[in-house]
Amino acid sequence: KDRWPTQNEKYKSKNIGRWCTAQRSNKTQLTAEQTAKLDEIGFPWSVHNERWEHCLKLLEEYRQEHKDRWPTQKEKYKSKNIGSWCVRQRAMKKQLTPEQTAKLD
């Protein structure tokens, strides 16, 4: 899957999710080299942005499969309530970043 670990997710018996959270929380204490290494692999410093991008990707996939329509409010796609996400984006349009707005337009 193309995603980052969740808060309590383990990998090879290590809680990699908690480690990721710690890197975000302690970003100012990381060395420039540590920050650069995380940036190189596309580490998401904001979990909110990562989730938003994931939902956008799902919406794009949905639209590829259903070119003639948008999801209904309660419609799910790949276990995500993509219809509800669309409704929230419309309601929060003024709070979206210019980059997010451009991606939705």
N, C-alpha and C. Protein backbone atom coordinates (compact mmCIF):
# COMPACT_ATOMS: atom_id res chain seq x y z
N LYS A 1 0.83 -1.19 0.00
CA LYS A 1 0.00 0.00 0.00
C LYS A 1 0.87 1.25 0.00
N ASP A 2 0.34 2.30 -0.58
CA ASP A 2 1.05 3.57 -0.64
C ASP A 2 0.57 4.47 0.49
N ARG A 3 1.10 4.20 1.69
CA ARG A 3 0.68 4.99 2.85
C ARG A 3 1.75 4.89 3.92
N TRP A 4 1.61 5.73 4.93
CA TRP A 4 2.52 5.73 6.07
C TRP A 4 1.84 5.03 7.24
N PRO A 5 2.61 4.53 8.20
CA PRO A 5 2.01 3.79 9.31
C PRO A 5 1.12 4.66 10.19
N THR A 6 0.10 4.03 10.74
CA THR A 6 -0.78 4.71 11.69
C THR A 6 -0.12 4.74 13.07
N GLN A 7 -0.69 5.50 13.97
CA GLN A 7 -0.12 5.76 15.30
C GLN A 7 0.43 4.53 16.00
N ASN A 8 -0.33 3.46 16.08
CA ASN A 8 0.10 2.28 16.84
C ASN A 8 0.49 1.10 15.96
N GLU A 9 0.77 1.36 14.71
CA GLU A 9 1.11 0.28 13.79
C GLU A 9 2.52 -0.24 14.03
N LYS A 10 2.63 -1.57 13.98
CA LYS A 10 3.93 -2.21 14.20
C LYS A 10 4.45 -2.78 12.89
N TYR A 11 5.76 -2.81 12.80
CA TYR A 11 6.45 -3.42 11.66
C TYR A 11 7.65 -4.15 12.21
N LYS A 12 7.71 -5.46 11.92
CA LYS A 12 8.80 -6.30 12.44
C LYS A 12 8.95 -6.13 13.94
N SER A 13 7.82 -6.17 14.62
CA SER A 13 7.68 -6.07 16.09
C SER A 13 8.09 -4.72 16.68
N LYS A 14 8.33 -3.73 15.86
CA LYS A 14 8.64 -2.38 16.34
C LYS A 14 7.45 -1.47 16.07
N ASN A 15 7.16 -0.58 17.01
CA ASN A 15 6.03 0.34 16.83
C ASN A 15 6.49 1.51 15.97
N ILE A 16 6.48 1.27 14.68
CA ILE A 16 6.96 2.27 13.71
C ILE A 16 6.03 3.49 13.67
N GLY A 17 4.74 3.25 13.93
CA GLY A 17 3.79 4.37 13.95
C GLY A 17 4.11 5.36 15.05
N ARG A 18 4.41 4.84 16.22
CA ARG A 18 4.76 5.72 17.35
C ARG A 18 6.07 6.46 17.06
N TRP A 19 7.00 5.77 16.40
CA TRP A 19 8.27 6.41 16.04
C TRP A 19 8.02 7.58 15.09
N CYS A 20 7.14 7.37 14.10
CA CYS A 20 6.82 8.45 13.15
C CYS A 20 6.21 9.65 13.88
N THR A 21 5.31 9.37 14.81
CA THR A 21 4.69 10.44 15.59
C THR A 21 5.75 11.20 16.38
N ALA A 22 6.71 10.47 16.94
CA ALA A 22 7.77 11.11 17.72
C ALA A 22 8.63 12.02 16.84
N GLN A 23 8.88 11.61 15.60
CA GLN A 23 9.68 12.45 14.70
C GLN A 23 8.95 13.76 14.41
N ARG A 24 7.63 13.66 14.21
CA ARG A 24 6.85 14.88 13.96
C ARG A 24 6.86 15.80 15.18
N SER A 25 6.69 15.20 16.35
CA SER A 25 6.64 15.99 17.59
C SER A 25 7.98 16.63 17.93
N ASN A 26 9.05 15.97 17.55
CA ASN A 26 10.40 16.44 17.91
C ASN A 26 11.16 16.99 16.72
N LYS A 27 10.46 17.44 15.71
CA LYS A 27 11.12 17.90 14.48
C LYS A 27 12.18 18.96 14.76
N THR A 28 11.91 19.86 15.67
CA THR A 28 12.87 20.94 15.95
C THR A 28 14.13 20.42 16.64
N GLN A 29 14.06 19.23 17.20
CA GLN A 29 15.22 18.66 17.88
C GLN A 29 16.03 17.73 16.99
N LEU A 30 15.52 17.43 15.79
CA LEU A 30 16.25 16.58 14.87
C LEU A 30 17.39 17.36 14.23
N THR A 31 18.44 16.65 13.86
CA THR A 31 19.54 17.31 13.17
C THR A 31 19.11 17.60 11.73
N ALA A 32 19.82 18.48 11.07
CA ALA A 32 19.51 18.80 9.68
C ALA A 32 19.62 17.54 8.82
N GLU A 33 20.58 16.69 9.13
CA GLU A 33 20.76 15.45 8.37
C GLU A 33 19.56 14.50 8.57
N GLN A 34 19.08 14.39 9.80
CA GLN A 34 17.92 13.54 10.07
C GLN A 34 16.68 14.06 9.34
N THR A 35 16.48 15.36 9.41
CA THR A 35 15.34 15.96 8.72
C THR A 35 15.45 15.75 7.22
N ALA A 36 16.64 15.93 6.67
CA ALA A 36 16.86 15.76 5.23
C ALA A 36 16.58 14.31 4.81
N LYS A 37 16.99 13.35 5.62
CA LYS A 37 16.75 11.94 5.29
C LYS A 37 15.25 11.64 5.27
N LEU A 38 14.54 12.18 6.23
CA LEU A 38 13.09 11.98 6.26
C LEU A 38 12.42 12.68 5.08
N ASP A 39 12.89 13.87 4.75
CA ASP A 39 12.35 14.59 3.60
C ASP A 39 12.60 13.82 2.30
N GLU A 40 13.77 13.20 2.18
CA GLU A 40 14.14 12.43 0.98
C GLU A 40 13.15 11.31 0.69
N ILE A 41 12.66 10.68 1.73
CA ILE A 41 11.73 9.57 1.53
C ILE A 41 10.28 10.03 1.51
N GLY A 42 10.07 11.34 1.53
CA GLY A 42 8.72 11.89 1.45
C GLY A 42 7.94 11.79 2.75
N PHE A 43 8.65 11.85 3.87
CA PHE A 43 8.01 11.73 5.18
C PHE A 43 6.96 12.82 5.34
N PRO A 44 5.73 12.44 5.71
CA PRO A 44 4.66 13.44 5.89
C PRO A 44 4.75 14.09 7.28
N TRP A 45 5.13 15.34 7.32
CA TRP A 45 5.25 16.04 8.60
C TRP A 45 3.88 16.35 9.18
N SER A 46 2.88 16.42 8.36
CA SER A 46 1.52 16.69 8.83
C SER A 46 0.64 15.48 8.51
N VAL A 47 0.12 14.84 9.53
CA VAL A 47 -0.75 13.69 9.32
C VAL A 47 -2.03 14.13 8.62
N HIS A 48 -2.52 15.32 8.96
CA HIS A 48 -3.74 15.82 8.32
C HIS A 48 -3.55 15.91 6.81
N ASN A 49 -2.43 16.45 6.37
CA ASN A 49 -2.18 16.57 4.93
C ASN A 49 -2.07 15.20 4.28
N GLU A 50 -1.44 14.26 4.98
CA GLU A 50 -1.31 12.91 4.43
C GLU A 50 -2.68 12.29 4.23
N ARG A 51 -3.56 12.41 5.23
CA ARG A 51 -4.91 11.85 5.12
C ARG A 51 -5.68 12.52 3.99
N TRP A 52 -5.52 13.84 3.89
CA TRP A 52 -6.23 14.59 2.85
C TRP A 52 -5.78 14.10 1.47
N GLU A 53 -4.47 13.96 1.29
CA GLU A 53 -3.94 13.50 0.00
C GLU A 53 -4.42 12.08 -0.31
N HIS A 54 -4.50 11.23 0.70
CA HIS A 54 -4.99 9.87 0.51
C HIS A 54 -6.44 9.90 0.02
N CYS A 55 -7.27 10.72 0.63
CA CYS A 55 -8.67 10.82 0.21
C CYS A 55 -8.78 11.40 -1.19
N LEU A 56 -7.95 12.36 -1.50
CA LEU A 56 -7.96 12.92 -2.86
C LEU A 56 -7.61 11.84 -3.88
N LYS A 57 -6.63 11.04 -3.57
CA LYS A 57 -6.23 9.95 -4.47
C LYS A 57 -7.38 8.97 -4.66
N LEU A 58 -8.08 8.65 -3.58
CA LEU A 58 -9.23 7.76 -3.69
C LEU A 58 -10.32 8.38 -4.56
N LEU A 59 -10.54 9.68 -4.40
CA LEU A 59 -11.54 10.36 -5.22
C LEU A 59 -11.15 10.31 -6.69
N GLU A 60 -9.87 10.52 -6.97
CA GLU A 60 -9.40 10.45 -8.36
C GLU A 60 -9.62 9.04 -8.94
N GLU A 61 -9.34 8.01 -8.14
CA GLU A 61 -9.57 6.64 -8.59
C GLU A 61 -11.06 6.40 -8.82
N TYR A 62 -11.88 6.89 -7.91
CA TYR A 62 -13.33 6.76 -8.03
C TYR A 62 -13.80 7.37 -9.34
N ARG A 63 -13.32 8.57 -9.61
CA ARG A 63 -13.75 9.28 -10.82
C ARG A 63 -13.26 8.58 -12.10
N GLN A 64 -12.14 7.88 -12.02
CA GLN A 64 -11.69 7.10 -13.17
C GLN A 64 -12.66 5.95 -13.45
N GLU A 65 -13.17 5.35 -12.39
CA GLU A 65 -14.11 4.24 -12.53
C GLU A 65 -15.53 4.71 -12.84
N HIS A 66 -15.90 5.88 -12.34
CA HIS A 66 -17.26 6.42 -12.50
C HIS A 66 -17.18 7.81 -13.13
N LYS A 67 -16.83 7.85 -14.38
CA LYS A 67 -16.60 9.13 -15.07
C LYS A 67 -17.85 10.00 -15.17
N ASP A 68 -19.02 9.37 -15.11
CA ASP A 68 -20.26 10.10 -15.33
C ASP A 68 -20.90 10.65 -14.07
N ARG A 69 -20.28 10.44 -12.89
CA ARG A 69 -20.92 10.93 -11.67
C ARG A 69 -19.92 11.10 -10.53
N TRP A 70 -20.38 11.85 -9.53
CA TRP A 70 -19.63 12.04 -8.28
C TRP A 70 -20.23 11.14 -7.22
N PRO A 71 -19.50 10.82 -6.17
CA PRO A 71 -20.07 9.96 -5.13
C PRO A 71 -21.21 10.63 -4.38
N THR A 72 -22.19 9.83 -4.00
CA THR A 72 -23.27 10.35 -3.17
C THR A 72 -22.74 10.54 -1.74
N GLN A 73 -23.48 11.28 -0.94
CA GLN A 73 -23.01 11.64 0.39
C GLN A 73 -22.63 10.43 1.24
N LYS A 74 -23.36 9.34 1.15
CA LYS A 74 -23.10 8.18 2.01
C LYS A 74 -22.33 7.08 1.29
N GLU A 75 -21.84 7.37 0.11
CA GLU A 75 -21.16 6.34 -0.67
C GLU A 75 -19.75 6.06 -0.16
N LYS A 76 -19.43 4.77 -0.12
CA LYS A 76 -18.09 4.36 0.30
C LYS A 76 -17.32 3.86 -0.92
N TYR A 77 -16.02 4.03 -0.85
CA TYR A 77 -15.14 3.54 -1.91
C TYR A 77 -13.87 3.04 -1.23
N LYS A 78 -13.57 1.78 -1.43
CA LYS A 78 -12.40 1.15 -0.79
C LYS A 78 -12.40 1.40 0.72
N SER A 79 -13.54 1.16 1.33
CA SER A 79 -13.75 1.26 2.79
C SER A 79 -13.70 2.68 3.34
N LYS A 80 -13.63 3.68 2.49
CA LYS A 80 -13.60 5.08 2.94
C LYS A 80 -14.89 5.76 2.50
N ASN A 81 -15.50 6.51 3.40
CA ASN A 81 -16.72 7.23 3.05
C ASN A 81 -16.34 8.45 2.21
N ILE A 82 -16.10 8.19 0.95
CA ILE A 82 -15.60 9.23 0.04
C ILE A 82 -16.65 10.30 -0.22
N GLY A 83 -17.93 9.92 -0.20
CA GLY A 83 -18.99 10.91 -0.39
C GLY A 83 -19.02 11.93 0.73
N SER A 84 -18.90 11.47 1.94
CA SER A 84 -18.86 12.36 3.11
C SER A 84 -17.63 13.27 3.06
N TRP A 85 -16.51 12.72 2.61
CA TRP A 85 -15.29 13.52 2.50
C TRP A 85 -15.52 14.66 1.50
N CYS A 86 -16.17 14.36 0.39
CA CYS A 86 -16.45 15.40 -0.62
C CYS A 86 -17.34 16.50 -0.03
N VAL A 87 -18.35 16.10 0.71
CA VAL A 87 -19.26 17.07 1.33
C VAL A 87 -18.47 17.98 2.28
N ARG A 88 -17.57 17.39 3.08
CA ARG A 88 -16.76 18.19 4.02
C ARG A 88 -15.85 19.17 3.27
N GLN A 89 -15.31 18.76 2.15
CA GLN A 89 -14.43 19.66 1.40
C GLN A 89 -15.20 20.87 0.88
N ARG A 90 -16.42 20.62 0.42
CA ARG A 90 -17.26 21.73 -0.05
C ARG A 90 -17.58 22.68 1.11
N ALA A 91 -17.91 22.10 2.26
CA ALA A 91 -18.28 22.92 3.42
C ALA A 91 -17.09 23.71 3.96
N MET A 92 -15.90 23.16 3.82
CA MET A 92 -14.70 23.80 4.38
C MET A 92 -13.86 24.51 3.32
N LYS A 93 -14.44 24.77 2.18
CA LYS A 93 -13.68 25.32 1.06
C LYS A 93 -12.84 26.54 1.44
N LYS A 94 -13.37 27.41 2.27
CA LYS A 94 -12.61 28.61 2.66
C LYS A 94 -11.43 28.28 3.57
N GLN A 95 -11.44 27.11 4.18
CA GLN A 95 -10.35 26.72 5.08
C GLN A 95 -9.29 25.89 4.39
N LEU A 96 -9.53 25.49 3.15
CA LEU A 96 -8.54 24.71 2.41
C LEU A 96 -7.38 25.60 1.99
N THR A 97 -6.22 24.99 1.84
CA THR A 97 -5.07 25.76 1.35
C THR A 97 -5.28 26.02 -0.15
N PRO A 98 -4.61 27.03 -0.70
CA PRO A 98 -4.73 27.27 -2.15
C PRO A 98 -4.32 26.02 -2.97
N GLU A 99 -3.34 25.27 -2.48
CA GLU A 99 -2.90 24.06 -3.17
C GLU A 99 -4.02 23.00 -3.18
N GLN A 100 -4.68 22.86 -2.04
CA GLN A 100 -5.77 21.89 -1.96
C GLN A 100 -6.92 22.30 -2.87
N THR A 101 -7.26 23.56 -2.86
CA THR A 101 -8.33 24.06 -3.73
C THR A 101 -8.01 23.80 -5.19
N ALA A 102 -6.76 24.07 -5.58
CA ALA A 102 -6.34 23.85 -6.97
C ALA A 102 -6.45 22.38 -7.35
N LYS A 103 -6.13 21.49 -6.43
CA LYS A 103 -6.21 20.06 -6.72
C LYS A 103 -7.64 19.59 -6.87
N LEU A 104 -8.55 20.23 -6.17
CA LEU A 104 -9.97 19.84 -6.27
C LEU A 104 -10.65 20.47 -7.47
N ASP A 105 -10.15 21.59 -7.95
CA ASP A 105 -10.80 22.28 -9.07
C ASP A 105 -10.63 21.55 -10.38
